[in-house]
Amino acid sequence: MIDVVAGLIHDGRGRLLACRRPEGKHLAGKWEFPGGKVEPGESPHRALVRELREELEITVEPAETLTPVVHDYGRGPIRLIPILCRITDGTPHPHEHDEIRWCAIHELQRLDLADADLPILAEWARRSR
């Protein structure tokens, strides 16, 4: 099983950053919470900081880890580890995605999210009531 981190980057106004996967990539056109694979010997928090610096040119401060989601997109199972975080430096730029968007919960619920991100959104929605 491959561990993958997903950053729930919040802006302090109840919105999260969603990113759309570009054409030519696995799950093209799907929206997701940004992140990536945890490297051997790397902690999930450290992986999140690295991945978001690479993908969005931002520095984040990881906080709470939400409930991990195990999912298989047909390439073998992943464990998606969602981590709440906030930006401490930089402005997000979509280097690995074709669009990024700050979204309130009701806006996220209308996006075509990747399947593994759906339970994460549901948990975020329950916590944000």
Protein backbone atom coordinates (compact mmCIF):
# COMPACT_ATOMS: atom_id res chain seq x y z
CA MET A 1 0.00 0.00 0.00
CA ILE A 2 1.28 3.47 -0.90
CA ASP A 3 0.87 6.32 1.57
CA VAL A 4 -0.23 9.59 -0.02
CA VAL A 5 -0.83 12.90 1.76
CA ALA A 6 -3.57 15.38 0.95
CA GLY A 7 -3.42 18.95 2.19
CA LEU A 8 -6.63 20.51 3.43
CA ILE A 9 -5.32 24.03 3.04
CA HIS A 10 -7.73 26.38 4.79
CA ASP A 11 -7.83 30.14 4.44
CA GLY A 12 -9.34 31.01 7.82
CA ARG A 13 -12.69 31.85 6.17
CA GLY A 14 -13.93 28.27 5.98
CA ARG A 15 -12.67 27.67 2.45
CA LEU A 16 -10.32 24.93 1.26
CA LEU A 17 -8.05 24.92 -1.77
CA ALA A 18 -9.14 22.46 -4.49
CA CYS A 19 -6.98 21.57 -7.49
CA ARG A 20 -8.02 20.05 -10.83
CA ARG A 21 -5.84 17.37 -12.40
CA PRO A 22 -4.72 18.24 -15.95
CA GLU A 23 -5.29 16.34 -19.19
CA GLY A 24 -2.79 13.53 -19.70
CA LYS A 25 -2.56 12.63 -16.01
CA HIS A 26 -4.30 9.81 -14.16
CA LEU A 27 -7.77 11.07 -13.07
CA ALA A 28 -7.58 14.00 -15.52
CA GLY A 29 -10.33 16.56 -14.92
CA LYS A 30 -10.99 15.40 -11.36
CA TRP A 31 -10.65 17.81 -8.48
CA GLU A 32 -8.54 16.89 -5.46
CA PHE A 33 -6.91 18.15 -2.34
CA PRO A 34 -3.25 18.68 -3.30
CA GLY A 35 -0.42 16.48 -2.06
CA GLY A 36 1.48 13.40 -3.11
CA LYS A 37 3.38 10.28 -2.17
CA VAL A 38 5.17 9.87 1.13
CA GLU A 39 8.78 8.89 0.43
CA PRO A 40 10.46 6.04 2.40
CA GLY A 41 11.55 7.29 5.82
CA GLU A 42 9.55 10.50 5.47
CA SER A 43 6.78 11.50 7.90
CA PRO A 44 3.39 12.45 6.44
CA HIS A 45 3.77 16.03 7.71
CA ARG A 46 7.21 16.39 6.11
CA ALA A 47 5.88 14.88 2.86
CA LEU A 48 3.02 17.38 2.82
CA VAL A 49 5.37 20.35 3.25
CA ARG A 50 7.62 19.03 0.44
CA GLU A 51 4.79 18.20 -1.96
CA LEU A 52 2.98 21.52 -1.55
CA ARG A 53 6.22 23.43 -2.03
CA GLU A 54 6.82 21.47 -5.28
CA GLU A 55 3.22 21.58 -6.57
CA LEU A 56 2.02 25.01 -5.51
CA GLU A 57 5.14 26.99 -4.46
CA ILE A 58 3.83 27.50 -0.94
CA THR A 59 5.08 26.75 2.54
CA VAL A 60 2.51 25.28 4.89
CA GLU A 61 2.27 24.54 8.58
CA PRO A 62 0.69 21.09 9.04
CA ALA A 63 -1.72 20.72 11.92
CA GLU A 64 -4.26 17.99 12.61
CA THR A 65 -4.44 14.72 10.68
CA LEU A 66 -7.96 13.60 9.77
CA THR A 67 -9.10 10.01 9.17
CA PRO A 68 -7.02 8.27 6.47
CA VAL A 69 -8.90 6.81 3.49
CA VAL A 70 -7.90 3.55 1.80
CA HIS A 71 -8.86 3.47 -1.88
CA ASP A 72 -7.88 1.62 -5.04
CA TYR A 73 -8.10 3.36 -8.41
CA GLY A 74 -7.15 0.10 -10.14
CA ARG A 75 -3.41 0.57 -9.72
CA GLY A 76 -3.14 -0.88 -6.22
CA PRO A 77 -4.36 0.50 -2.91
CA ILE A 78 -3.37 3.87 -1.52
CA ARG A 79 -3.82 5.22 1.98
CA LEU A 80 -4.74 8.89 1.60
CA ILE A 81 -3.75 10.81 4.72
CA PRO A 82 -5.57 14.15 4.98
CA ILE A 83 -3.79 16.85 6.96
CA LEU A 84 -5.20 20.24 7.88
CA CYS A 85 -2.71 23.02 7.20
CA ARG A 86 -2.38 26.71 6.59
CA ILE A 87 -0.11 28.69 4.31
CA THR A 88 2.78 30.43 6.07
CA ASP A 89 4.54 31.70 2.94
CA GLY A 90 3.71 32.17 -0.72
CA THR A 91 0.66 32.29 -2.94
CA PRO A 92 -0.56 29.06 -4.57
CA HIS A 93 0.35 28.63 -8.26
CA PRO A 94 -1.01 25.67 -10.31
CA HIS A 95 2.17 24.01 -11.58
CA GLU A 96 0.86 20.44 -11.39
CA HIS A 97 -2.81 21.26 -11.97
CA ASP A 98 -4.72 23.10 -14.69
CA GLU A 99 -6.86 25.05 -12.20
CA ILE A 100 -6.92 25.83 -8.49
CA ARG A 101 -9.82 27.33 -6.59
CA TRP A 102 -10.70 28.36 -3.02
CA CYS A 103 -14.05 26.73 -2.22
CA ALA A 104 -16.60 26.76 0.56
CA ILE A 105 -18.07 23.37 1.52
CA HIS A 106 -21.14 23.75 -0.72
CA GLU A 107 -18.86 24.59 -3.68
CA LEU A 108 -16.62 21.58 -3.00
CA GLN A 109 -19.67 19.33 -2.92
CA ARG A 110 -20.51 20.39 -6.49
CA LEU A 111 -17.03 19.65 -7.88
CA ASP A 112 -16.17 16.34 -9.55
CA LEU A 113 -13.85 15.24 -6.74
CA ALA A 114 -11.63 12.19 -6.97
CA ASP A 115 -13.29 9.26 -5.18
CA ALA A 116 -10.71 9.04 -2.37
CA ASP A 117 -11.30 12.71 -1.52
CA LEU A 118 -15.06 12.30 -0.99
CA PRO A 119 -14.88 10.82 2.54
CA ILE A 120 -12.38 13.54 3.46
CA LEU A 121 -14.80 16.24 2.33
CA ALA A 122 -17.60 14.54 4.30
CA GLU A 123 -15.47 14.57 7.46
CA TRP A 124 -14.53 18.22 6.91
CA ALA A 125 -18.21 19.11 6.43
CA ARG A 126 -19.20 17.35 9.69
CA ARG A 127 -16.46 19.14 11.62
CA SER A 128 -17.31 22.54 10.14
CA ARG A 129 -20.95 22.62 11.22
